[in-house]
Amino acid sequence: MSPFFRSIVPRLRLFGLIVAAGVVLASCGPSKQGAGQAHPYDRAKDAFKTGDLDKALDLTDKLATATPPADYTERARVLRVVIYTGQLKGAKELAEAYSKGAEKAEASQTRSGYRSLQHDVMVTAAKAALNLAGTAHQIAPDGVIAKELTLEASYPTTEGPPEIKELATVEEGRWIEADQQDSALVDALRRGVDDALADVVSGDRAKARQALASGSTKLEGAAFAIFLAQQLAEGAVVCHHSLDPQRLRMLCDEGDETLKAALALLQDTPNKDQQKEVKKLQDRFKTIRKSIE
């Protein structure tokens, strides 16, 4: 995608699409806190730590969209990337399980029930992917990203389980009740966030816990941009049948912009492995574009 001032119409269309997906990109100044009231980001960190992702998103919304940026705007955006990535990963796991369950189920009612649940979680995945694209646009506007970013958060105290027992039942084609569906959803989202944290620090859960032991960790800009582009590509693939071609192109456009930001930083500090990954992702976005032409 061309820079903003050389291609303003597509960028304005992008904003319209993101708003339609539920991401509010309205301009707003930093909010003033009353005496004795905790800062919104501190409350967002507490919510994230306890696994209340919706509350963490709500508390970081104004910070993430603040114009001009507030003190914690960048940190709010980074945290939101982690949450949206976790939602995408969790929804993908659920969708795959329900798809397998629908294929194996013998009872028509079970098959239709799992197809319906698969549709519902794919809607969640699509929203997460588009929200991720909106946050990518905020973090790397016009192909520019900070050399270093901060993920300020504690590792969640409520981790996702190694295995979600309800989904094992689903994949056998046996029905699970509503309370089990809710439990599987919670566990899948928690696992998704755990995996997102591992990916963002380029390691595993143990490394992520260690990195966030002090409550924050520094993220190298190019590496974070590549991570973000990887998630956008994954979102485009996962949601290929859930989004119209225009929104899929939007995910690819934001992915390309994010990769451009990574390349700009890599010009000053070359890294062959990262440059190779950028090229690989660029090719992946080209392939996705061809599939929707």
C-alpha atoms as a PDB file:
ATOM      1  CA  MET A   1       0.000   0.000   0.000  1.00  0.00           C
ATOM      2  CA  SER A   2       1.224   3.501  -0.753  1.00  0.00           C
ATOM      3  CA  PRO A   3       1.837   6.001   2.026  1.00  0.00           C
ATOM      4  CA  PHE A   4      -1.168   7.866   3.361  1.00  0.00           C
ATOM      5  CA  PHE A   5      -0.755  11.136   1.482  1.00  0.00           C
ATOM      6  CA  ARG A   6      -0.272   9.305  -1.828  1.00  0.00           C
ATOM      7  CA  SER A   7      -3.296   7.072  -1.373  1.00  0.00           C
ATOM      8  CA  ILE A   8      -5.761   8.715   0.982  1.00  0.00           C
ATOM      9  CA  VAL A   9      -8.909   7.105  -0.386  1.00  0.00           C
ATOM     10  CA  PRO A  10      -7.923   3.470   0.338  1.00  0.00           C
ATOM     11  CA  ARG A  11      -6.785   4.485   3.811  1.00  0.00           C
ATOM     12  CA  LEU A  12     -10.090   6.186   4.546  1.00  0.00           C
ATOM     13  CA  ARG A  13     -11.880   3.091   3.318  1.00  0.00           C
ATOM     14  CA  LEU A  14      -9.717   1.074   5.717  1.00  0.00           C
ATOM     15  CA  PHE A  15     -10.929   3.143   8.632  1.00  0.00           C
ATOM     16  CA  GLY A  16     -14.536   2.601   7.587  1.00  0.00           C
ATOM     17  CA  LEU A  17     -14.036  -1.147   7.476  1.00  0.00           C
ATOM     18  CA  ILE A  18     -12.365  -1.268  10.859  1.00  0.00           C
ATOM     19  CA  VAL A  19     -15.114   0.804  12.453  1.00  0.00           C
ATOM     20  CA  ALA A  20     -17.648  -1.602  10.948  1.00  0.00           C
ATOM     21  CA  ALA A  21     -15.748  -4.437  12.598  1.00  0.00           C
ATOM     22  CA  GLY A  22     -16.146  -2.831  16.002  1.00  0.00           C
ATOM     23  CA  VAL A  23     -12.889  -0.946  16.379  1.00  0.00           C
ATOM     24  CA  VAL A  24     -13.419   2.683  17.263  1.00  0.00           C
ATOM     25  CA  LEU A  25     -10.753   4.883  15.743  1.00  0.00           C
ATOM     26  CA  ALA A  26     -12.231   8.196  16.793  1.00  0.00           C
ATOM     27  CA  SER A  27      -9.790  10.814  17.986  1.00  0.00           C
ATOM     28  CA  CYS A  28      -9.809  11.597  21.659  1.00  0.00           C
ATOM     29  CA  GLY A  29      -7.454  13.249  24.086  1.00  0.00           C
ATOM     30  CA  PRO A  30      -5.972  11.570  27.155  1.00  0.00           C
ATOM     31  CA  SER A  31      -8.499  11.338  29.949  1.00  0.00           C
ATOM     32  CA  LYS A  32      -7.996  13.096  33.250  1.00  0.00           C
ATOM     33  CA  GLN A  33      -8.181  10.951  36.340  1.00  0.00           C
ATOM     34  CA  GLY A  34      -9.951  11.996  39.481  1.00  0.00           C
ATOM     35  CA  ALA A  35      -8.107  12.201  42.770  1.00  0.00           C
ATOM     36  CA  GLY A  36      -7.284   8.771  44.084  1.00  0.00           C
ATOM     37  CA  GLN A  37      -8.488   7.004  40.921  1.00  0.00           C
ATOM     38  CA  ALA A  38      -6.110   4.467  39.399  1.00  0.00           C
ATOM     39  CA  HIS A  39      -4.782   5.168  35.921  1.00  0.00           C
ATOM     40  CA  PRO A  40      -6.755   3.308  33.221  1.00  0.00           C
ATOM     41  CA  TYR A  41      -3.665   1.433  32.121  1.00  0.00           C
ATOM     42  CA  ASP A  42      -2.970   0.206  35.654  1.00  0.00           C
ATOM     43  CA  ARG A  43      -6.526  -1.103  35.806  1.00  0.00           C
ATOM     44  CA  ALA A  44      -6.120  -2.638  32.351  1.00  0.00           C
ATOM     45  CA  LYS A  45      -2.990  -4.465  33.512  1.00  0.00           C
ATOM     46  CA  ASP A  46      -4.888  -5.821  36.507  1.00  0.00           C
ATOM     47  CA  ALA A  47      -7.699  -7.006  34.234  1.00  0.00           C
ATOM     48  CA  PHE A  48      -5.234  -8.659  31.859  1.00  0.00           C
ATOM     49  CA  LYS A  49      -3.466 -10.383  34.734  1.00  0.00           C
ATOM     50  CA  THR A  50      -6.724 -11.908  35.970  1.00  0.00           C
ATOM     51  CA  GLY A  51      -7.844 -12.918  32.479  1.00  0.00           C
ATOM     52  CA  ASP A  52     -10.596 -10.306  32.016  1.00  0.00           C
ATOM     53  CA  LEU A  53      -9.677  -9.530  28.407  1.00  0.00           C
ATOM     54  CA  ASP A  54     -12.838  -7.584  27.552  1.00  0.00           C
ATOM     55  CA  LYS A  55     -12.242  -5.224  30.465  1.00  0.00           C
ATOM     56  CA  ALA A  56      -8.586  -4.773  29.499  1.00  0.00           C
ATOM     57  CA  LEU A  57      -9.651  -3.844  25.963  1.00  0.00           C
ATOM     58  CA  ASP A  58     -12.296  -1.447  27.235  1.00  0.00           C
ATOM     59  CA  LEU A  59      -9.843   0.287  29.571  1.00  0.00           C
ATOM     60  CA  THR A  60      -7.201   0.709  26.849  1.00  0.00           C
ATOM     61  CA  ASP A  61      -9.536   1.888  24.076  1.00  0.00           C
ATOM     62  CA  LYS A  62      -9.234   5.629  24.703  1.00  0.00           C
ATOM     63  CA  LEU A  63      -5.502   5.393  25.318  1.00  0.00           C
ATOM     64  CA  ALA A  64      -4.957   3.456  22.103  1.00  0.00           C
ATOM     65  CA  THR A  65      -6.865   5.998  20.013  1.00  0.00           C
ATOM     66  CA  ALA A  66      -5.652   9.158  21.769  1.00  0.00           C
ATOM     67  CA  THR A  67      -4.709  12.076  19.488  1.00  0.00           C
ATOM     68  CA  PRO A  68      -2.112  13.291  20.205  1.00  0.00           C
ATOM     69  CA  PRO A  69      -0.794  10.100  21.832  1.00  0.00           C
ATOM     70  CA  ALA A  70      -0.943   9.986  25.628  1.00  0.00           C
ATOM     71  CA  ASP A  71       1.841   8.695  27.874  1.00  0.00           C
ATOM     72  CA  TYR A  72       0.587   5.107  27.743  1.00  0.00           C
ATOM     73  CA  THR A  73      -0.818   5.064  24.214  1.00  0.00           C
ATOM     74  CA  GLU A  74       1.927   2.910  22.729  1.00  0.00           C
ATOM     75  CA  ARG A  75       1.826   0.450  25.622  1.00  0.00           C
ATOM     76  CA  ALA A  76      -1.943   0.193  25.323  1.00  0.00           C
ATOM     77  CA  ARG A  77      -1.605  -0.659  21.649  1.00  0.00           C
ATOM     78  CA  VAL A  78       1.015  -3.325  22.289  1.00  0.00           C
ATOM     79  CA  LEU A  79      -1.165  -4.952  24.950  1.00  0.00           C
ATOM     80  CA  ARG A  80      -4.138  -4.905  22.588  1.00  0.00           C
ATOM     81  CA  VAL A  81      -2.073  -6.667  19.918  1.00  0.00           C
ATOM     82  CA  VAL A  82      -1.385  -9.462  22.403  1.00  0.00           C
ATOM     83  CA  ILE A  83      -5.063  -9.745  23.344  1.00  0.00           C
ATOM     84  CA  TYR A  84      -6.360  -9.730  19.759  1.00  0.00           C
ATOM     85  CA  THR A  85      -3.725 -12.287  18.794  1.00  0.00           C
ATOM     86  CA  GLY A  86      -4.826 -14.463  21.711  1.00  0.00           C
ATOM     87  CA  GLN A  87      -8.453 -14.169  20.643  1.00  0.00           C
ATOM     88  CA  LEU A  88      -7.542 -15.159  17.091  1.00  0.00           C
ATOM     89  CA  LYS A  89      -5.533 -18.171  18.228  1.00  0.00           C
ATOM     90  CA  GLY A  90      -8.223 -19.310  20.644  1.00  0.00           C
ATOM     91  CA  ALA A  91     -11.008 -18.950  18.090  1.00  0.00           C
ATOM     92  CA  LYS A  92      -8.966 -20.874  15.534  1.00  0.00           C
ATOM     93  CA  GLU A  93      -8.506 -23.782  17.940  1.00  0.00           C
ATOM     94  CA  LEU A  94     -12.217 -23.885  18.713  1.00  0.00           C
ATOM     95  CA  ALA A  95     -13.221 -23.657  15.048  1.00  0.00           C
ATOM     96  CA  GLU A  96     -10.945 -26.536  14.103  1.00  0.00           C
ATOM     97  CA  ALA A  97     -12.322 -28.699  16.915  1.00  0.00           C
ATOM     98  CA  TYR A  98     -15.962 -27.984  16.040  1.00  0.00           C
ATOM     99  CA  SER A  99     -15.251 -28.688  12.369  1.00  0.00           C
ATOM    100  CA  LYS A 100     -13.786 -32.093  13.254  1.00  0.00           C
ATOM    101  CA  GLY A 101     -16.704 -32.756  15.590  1.00  0.00           C
ATOM    102  CA  ALA A 102     -19.224 -31.988  12.851  1.00  0.00           C
ATOM    103  CA  GLU A 103     -17.455 -34.369  10.483  1.00  0.00           C
ATOM    104  CA  LYS A 104     -17.365 -37.250  12.978  1.00  0.00           C
ATOM    105  CA  ALA A 105     -20.773 -36.816  14.587  1.00  0.00           C
ATOM    106  CA  GLU A 106     -23.345 -39.425  13.632  1.00  0.00           C
ATOM    107  CA  ALA A 107     -26.410 -37.533  14.836  1.00  0.00           C
ATOM    108  CA  SER A 108     -27.606 -34.815  12.469  1.00  0.00           C
ATOM    109  CA  GLN A 109     -28.492 -32.576  15.422  1.00  0.00           C
ATOM    110  CA  THR A 110     -24.922 -32.807  16.728  1.00  0.00           C
ATOM    111  CA  ARG A 111     -23.508 -32.069  13.274  1.00  0.00           C
ATOM    112  CA  SER A 112     -25.677 -28.990  12.824  1.00  0.00           C
ATOM    113  CA  GLY A 113     -24.951 -27.859  16.388  1.00  0.00           C
ATOM    114  CA  TYR A 114     -21.208 -27.998  15.863  1.00  0.00           C
ATOM    115  CA  ARG A 115     -21.478 -26.262  12.496  1.00  0.00           C
ATOM    116  CA  SER A 116     -23.353 -23.456  14.233  1.00  0.00           C
ATOM    117  CA  LEU A 117     -20.727 -23.200  16.968  1.00  0.00           C
ATOM    118  CA  GLN A 118     -17.984 -23.230  14.346  1.00  0.00           C
ATOM    119  CA  HIS A 119     -19.676 -20.308  12.596  1.00  0.00           C
ATOM    120  CA  ASP A 120     -19.934 -18.366  15.852  1.00  0.00           C
ATOM    121  CA  VAL A 121     -16.251 -18.732  16.723  1.00  0.00           C
ATOM    122  CA  MET A 122     -15.261 -17.833  13.163  1.00  0.00           C
ATOM    123  CA  VAL A 123     -17.138 -14.564  13.625  1.00  0.00           C
ATOM    124  CA  THR A 124     -15.025 -14.016  16.743  1.00  0.00           C
ATOM    125  CA  ALA A 125     -11.873 -14.844  14.778  1.00  0.00           C
ATOM    126  CA  ALA A 126     -12.803 -12.415  12.000  1.00  0.00           C
ATOM    127  CA  LYS A 127     -13.441  -9.589  14.467  1.00  0.00           C
ATOM    128  CA  ALA A 128     -10.131 -10.276  16.211  1.00  0.00           C
ATOM    129  CA  ALA A 129      -8.280 -10.229  12.886  1.00  0.00           C
ATOM    130  CA  LEU A 130      -9.836  -6.924  11.835  1.00  0.00           C
ATOM    131  CA  ASN A 131      -9.235  -5.403  15.264  1.00  0.00           C
ATOM    132  CA  LEU A 132      -5.630  -6.528  14.973  1.00  0.00           C
ATOM    133  CA  ALA A 133      -5.387  -4.779  11.611  1.00  0.00           C
ATOM    134  CA  GLY A 134      -6.747  -1.597  13.166  1.00  0.00           C
ATOM    135  CA  THR A 135      -4.160  -1.728  15.934  1.00  0.00           C
ATOM    136  CA  ALA A 136      -1.396  -2.444  13.413  1.00  0.00           C
ATOM    137  CA  HIS A 137      -2.439   0.727  11.595  1.00  0.00           C
ATOM    138  CA  GLN A 138      -2.039   2.646  14.853  1.00  0.00           C
ATOM    139  CA  ILE A 139       1.345   1.129  15.744  1.00  0.00           C
ATOM    140  CA  ALA A 140       2.954   1.303  12.293  1.00  0.00           C
ATOM    141  CA  PRO A 141       1.255   4.140  10.390  1.00  0.00           C
ATOM    142  CA  ASP A 142       2.582   4.674   6.862  1.00  0.00           C
ATOM    143  CA  GLY A 143       5.223   2.000   7.307  1.00  0.00           C
ATOM    144  CA  VAL A 144       6.936   3.477  10.371  1.00  0.00           C
ATOM    145  CA  ILE A 145       7.357   1.808  13.761  1.00  0.00           C
ATOM    146  CA  ALA A 146       9.348   2.689  16.875  1.00  0.00           C
ATOM    147  CA  LYS A 147      12.788   1.109  17.261  1.00  0.00           C
ATOM    148  CA  GLU A 148      11.733  -0.216  20.633  1.00  0.00           C
ATOM    149  CA  LEU A 149       8.348  -0.834  22.227  1.00  0.00           C
ATOM    150  CA  THR A 150       7.280  -1.861  25.718  1.00  0.00           C
ATOM    151  CA  LEU A 151       4.944  -4.626  26.727  1.00  0.00           C
ATOM    152  CA  GLU A 152       3.932  -3.579  30.222  1.00  0.00           C
ATOM    153  CA  ALA A 153       1.934  -6.345  31.809  1.00  0.00           C
ATOM    154  CA  SER A 154       2.221  -9.244  34.205  1.00  0.00           C
ATOM    155  CA  TYR A 155       1.901 -12.802  33.021  1.00  0.00           C
ATOM    156  CA  PRO A 156      -1.735 -13.920  33.542  1.00  0.00           C
ATOM    157  CA  THR A 157      -2.409 -15.754  36.784  1.00  0.00           C
ATOM    158  CA  THR A 158      -5.069 -17.841  35.010  1.00  0.00           C
ATOM    159  CA  GLU A 159      -3.231 -19.849  32.358  1.00  0.00           C
ATOM    160  CA  GLY A 160      -4.818 -21.983  29.703  1.00  0.00           C
ATOM    161  CA  PRO A 161      -4.599 -25.753  30.338  1.00  0.00           C
ATOM    162  CA  PRO A 162      -2.157 -27.970  28.398  1.00  0.00           C
ATOM    163  CA  GLU A 163      -5.179 -29.752  26.942  1.00  0.00           C
ATOM    164  CA  ILE A 164      -8.809 -28.701  26.736  1.00  0.00           C
ATOM    165  CA  LYS A 165     -10.681 -31.879  27.659  1.00  0.00           C
ATOM    166  CA  GLU A 166     -13.993 -30.637  26.251  1.00  0.00           C
ATOM    167  CA  LEU A 167     -12.472 -30.272  22.791  1.00  0.00           C
ATOM    168  CA  ALA A 168     -11.155 -33.822  22.890  1.00  0.00           C
ATOM    169  CA  THR A 169     -14.773 -34.901  23.348  1.00  0.00           C
ATOM    170  CA  VAL A 170     -15.901 -32.630  20.515  1.00  0.00           C
ATOM    171  CA  GLU A 171     -13.336 -34.042  18.104  1.00  0.00           C
ATOM    172  CA  GLU A 172     -14.710 -37.526  18.760  1.00  0.00           C
ATOM    173  CA  GLY A 173     -18.074 -36.343  17.469  1.00  0.00           C
ATOM    174  CA  ARG A 174     -19.756 -36.434  20.889  1.00  0.00           C
ATOM    175  CA  TRP A 175     -21.900 -33.515  22.031  1.00  0.00           C
ATOM    176  CA  ILE A 176     -20.893 -31.174  24.866  1.00  0.00           C
ATOM    177  CA  GLU A 177     -23.445 -29.073  26.736  1.00  0.00           C
ATOM    178  CA  ALA A 178     -23.589 -25.280  26.998  1.00  0.00           C
ATOM    179  CA  ASP A 179     -21.605 -25.059  30.239  1.00  0.00           C
ATOM    180  CA  GLN A 180     -18.861 -27.191  28.693  1.00  0.00           C
ATOM    181  CA  GLN A 181     -18.871 -25.001  25.589  1.00  0.00           C
ATOM    182  CA  ASP A 182     -18.403 -21.938  27.787  1.00  0.00           C
ATOM    183  CA  SER A 183     -15.561 -23.628  29.673  1.00  0.00           C
ATOM    184  CA  ALA A 184     -13.855 -24.593  26.404  1.00  0.00           C
ATOM    185  CA  LEU A 185     -14.154 -21.011  25.165  1.00  0.00           C
ATOM    186  CA  VAL A 186     -12.546 -19.569  28.296  1.00  0.00           C
ATOM    187  CA  ASP A 187      -9.719 -22.111  28.243  1.00  0.00           C
ATOM    188  CA  ALA A 188      -9.082 -21.616  24.513  1.00  0.00           C
ATOM    189  CA  LEU A 189      -8.832 -17.836  24.898  1.00  0.00           C
ATOM    190  CA  ARG A 190      -6.486 -18.203  27.873  1.00  0.00           C
ATOM    191  CA  ARG A 191      -4.306 -20.603  25.917  1.00  0.00           C
ATOM    192  CA  GLY A 192      -4.374 -18.217  22.997  1.00  0.00           C
ATOM    193  CA  VAL A 193      -3.076 -15.361  25.130  1.00  0.00           C
ATOM    194  CA  ASP A 194      -0.375 -17.595  26.632  1.00  0.00           C
ATOM    195  CA  ASP A 195       0.760 -18.533  23.127  1.00  0.00           C
ATOM    196  CA  ALA A 196       0.627 -14.899  21.991  1.00  0.00           C
ATOM    197  CA  LEU A 197       2.895 -13.867  24.863  1.00  0.00           C
ATOM    198  CA  ALA A 198       5.303 -16.667  23.985  1.00  0.00           C
ATOM    199  CA  ASP A 199       5.368 -15.574  20.338  1.00  0.00           C
ATOM    200  CA  VAL A 200       5.831 -11.892  21.089  1.00  0.00           C
ATOM    201  CA  VAL A 201       8.977 -12.580  23.143  1.00  0.00           C
ATOM    202  CA  SER A 202      10.182 -15.089  20.518  1.00  0.00           C
ATOM    203  CA  GLY A 203      10.160 -17.994  22.931  1.00  0.00           C
ATOM    204  CA  ASP A 204       7.850 -20.216  24.941  1.00  0.00           C
ATOM    205  CA  ARG A 205       5.605 -19.711  27.965  1.00  0.00           C
ATOM    206  CA  ALA A 206       8.509 -20.087  30.378  1.00  0.00           C
ATOM    207  CA  LYS A 207      10.454 -17.373  28.586  1.00  0.00           C
ATOM    208  CA  ALA A 208       7.379 -15.148  28.535  1.00  0.00           C
ATOM    209  CA  ARG A 209       6.869 -15.580  32.283  1.00  0.00           C
ATOM    210  CA  GLN A 210      10.498 -14.719  32.901  1.00  0.00           C
ATOM    211  CA  ALA A 211      10.381 -11.692  30.593  1.00  0.00           C
ATOM    212  CA  LEU A 212       7.322 -10.317  32.390  1.00  0.00           C
ATOM    213  CA  ALA A 213       8.478 -11.174  35.901  1.00  0.00           C
ATOM    214  CA  SER A 214       9.226  -7.504  36.582  1.00  0.00           C
ATOM    215  CA  GLY A 215       5.933  -6.362  35.053  1.00  0.00           C
ATOM    216  CA  SER A 216       7.284  -5.233  31.674  1.00  0.00           C
ATOM    217  CA  THR A 217       9.682  -6.142  28.898  1.00  0.00           C
ATOM    218  CA  LYS A 218      11.241  -4.301  25.967  1.00  0.00           C
ATOM    219  CA  LEU A 219      10.428  -5.431  22.427  1.00  0.00           C
ATOM    220  CA  GLU A 220      12.717  -4.730  19.480  1.00  0.00           C
ATOM    221  CA  GLY A 221      10.741  -2.828  16.844  1.00  0.00           C
ATOM    222  CA  ALA A 222      11.589  -4.902  13.772  1.00  0.00           C
ATOM    223  CA  ALA A 223      10.920  -8.186  15.584  1.00  0.00           C
ATOM    224  CA  PHE A 224       7.574  -6.901  16.852  1.00  0.00           C
ATOM    225  CA  ALA A 225       6.602  -5.699  13.372  1.00  0.00           C
ATOM    226  CA  ILE A 226       7.381  -9.158  11.963  1.00  0.00           C
ATOM    227  CA  PHE A 227       5.360 -10.797  14.741  1.00  0.00           C
ATOM    228  CA  LEU A 228       2.444  -8.497  13.975  1.00  0.00           C
ATOM    229  CA  ALA A 229       2.625  -9.218  10.244  1.00  0.00           C
ATOM    230  CA  GLN A 230       2.684 -12.954  10.985  1.00  0.00           C
ATOM    231  CA  GLN A 231      -0.548 -12.643  12.959  1.00  0.00           C
ATOM    232  CA  LEU A 232      -2.206 -10.595  10.205  1.00  0.00           C
ATOM    233  CA  ALA A 233      -1.271 -13.247   7.651  1.00  0.00           C
ATOM    234  CA  GLU A 234      -2.625 -15.959   9.921  1.00  0.00           C
ATOM    235  CA  GLY A 235      -5.807 -13.960  10.401  1.00  0.00           C
ATOM    236  CA  ALA A 236      -6.266 -13.641   6.647  1.00  0.00           C
ATOM    237  CA  VAL A 237      -5.849 -17.398   6.209  1.00  0.00           C
ATOM    238  CA  VAL A 238      -8.064 -18.381   9.135  1.00  0.00           C
ATOM    239  CA  CYS A 239     -10.817 -15.957   8.140  1.00  0.00           C
ATOM    240  CA  HIS A 240     -10.566 -16.525   4.396  1.00  0.00           C
ATOM    241  CA  HIS A 241     -14.155 -17.807   4.168  1.00  0.00           C
ATOM    242  CA  SER A 242     -15.541 -15.467   6.834  1.00  0.00           C
ATOM    243  CA  LEU A 243     -14.520 -12.117   5.364  1.00  0.00           C
ATOM    244  CA  ASP A 244     -15.285 -10.489   2.045  1.00  0.00           C
ATOM    245  CA  PRO A 245     -12.389  -9.878  -0.392  1.00  0.00           C
ATOM    246  CA  GLN A 246     -12.185  -6.189   0.500  1.00  0.00           C
ATOM    247  CA  ARG A 247     -11.531  -6.899   4.169  1.00  0.00           C
ATOM    248  CA  LEU A 248      -9.062  -9.653   3.326  1.00  0.00           C
ATOM    249  CA  ARG A 249      -7.141  -7.197   1.140  1.00  0.00           C
ATOM    250  CA  MET A 250      -7.189  -4.792   4.067  1.00  0.00           C
ATOM    251  CA  LEU A 251      -5.452  -7.387   6.257  1.00  0.00           C
ATOM    252  CA  CYS A 252      -2.852  -7.875   3.525  1.00  0.00           C
ATOM    253  CA  ASP A 253      -2.400  -4.114   3.119  1.00  0.00           C
ATOM    254  CA  GLU A 254      -1.763  -3.641   6.826  1.00  0.00           C
ATOM    255  CA  GLY A 255       0.582  -6.614   6.805  1.00  0.00           C
ATOM    256  CA  ASP A 256       2.583  -5.081   3.982  1.00  0.00           C
ATOM    257  CA  GLU A 257       2.740  -1.733   5.777  1.00  0.00           C
ATOM    258  CA  THR A 258       3.974  -3.430   8.925  1.00  0.00           C
ATOM    259  CA  LEU A 259       6.647  -5.316   6.983  1.00  0.00           C
ATOM    260  CA  LYS A 260       7.719  -2.064   5.372  1.00  0.00           C
ATOM    261  CA  ALA A 261       8.213  -0.665   8.858  1.00  0.00           C
ATOM    262  CA  ALA A 262      10.354  -3.676   9.768  1.00  0.00           C
ATOM    263  CA  LEU A 263      12.497  -3.257   6.651  1.00  0.00           C
ATOM    264  CA  ALA A 264      13.045   0.424   7.418  1.00  0.00           C
ATOM    265  CA  LEU A 265      14.558  -0.513  10.783  1.00  0.00           C
ATOM    266  CA  LEU A 266      16.555  -3.382   9.288  1.00  0.00           C
ATOM    267  CA  GLN A 267      18.276  -0.980   6.924  1.00  0.00           C
ATOM    268  CA  ASP A 268      20.066   0.546   9.914  1.00  0.00           C
ATOM    269  CA  THR A 269      20.621  -2.730  11.786  1.00  0.00           C
ATOM    270  CA  PRO A 270      20.620  -5.594   9.244  1.00  0.00           C
ATOM    271  CA  ASN A 271      19.558  -9.033  10.419  1.00  0.00           C
ATOM    272  CA  LYS A 272      19.603 -11.783   7.788  1.00  0.00           C
ATOM    273  CA  ASP A 273      17.138 -14.024   9.600  1.00  0.00           C
ATOM    274  CA  GLN A 274      14.626 -11.214  10.045  1.00  0.00           C
ATOM    275  CA  GLN A 275      15.068 -10.021   6.469  1.00  0.00           C
ATOM    276  CA  LYS A 276      14.455 -13.567   5.270  1.00  0.00           C
ATOM    277  CA  GLU A 277      11.280 -13.757   7.367  1.00  0.00           C
ATOM    278  CA  VAL A 278      10.066 -10.439   5.935  1.00  0.00           C
ATOM    279  CA  LYS A 279      10.509 -11.744   2.384  1.00  0.00           C
ATOM    280  CA  LYS A 280       8.687 -14.944   3.284  1.00  0.00           C
ATOM    281  CA  LEU A 281       5.749 -12.987   4.707  1.00  0.00           C
ATOM    282  CA  GLN A 282       5.644 -10.648   1.718  1.00  0.00           C
ATOM    283  CA  ASP A 283       5.331 -13.698  -0.534  1.00  0.00           C
ATOM    284  CA  ARG A 284       2.617 -15.082   1.735  1.00  0.00           C
ATOM    285  CA  PHE A 285       0.566 -11.917   1.426  1.00  0.00           C
ATOM    286  CA  LYS A 286       0.976 -12.034  -2.363  1.00  0.00           C
ATOM    287  CA  THR A 287      -0.369 -15.576  -2.366  1.00  0.00           C
ATOM    288  CA  ILE A 288      -3.348 -14.553  -0.232  1.00  0.00           C
ATOM    289  CA  ARG A 289      -4.104 -11.676  -2.601  1.00  0.00           C
ATOM    290  CA  LYS A 290      -4.051 -13.986  -5.620  1.00  0.00           C
ATOM    291  CA  SER A 291      -6.501 -16.326  -3.905  1.00  0.00           C
ATOM    292  CA  ILE A 292      -9.115 -13.573  -3.678  1.00  0.00           C
ATOM    293  CA  GLU A 293      -8.683 -12.067  -7.135  1.00  0.00           C
END
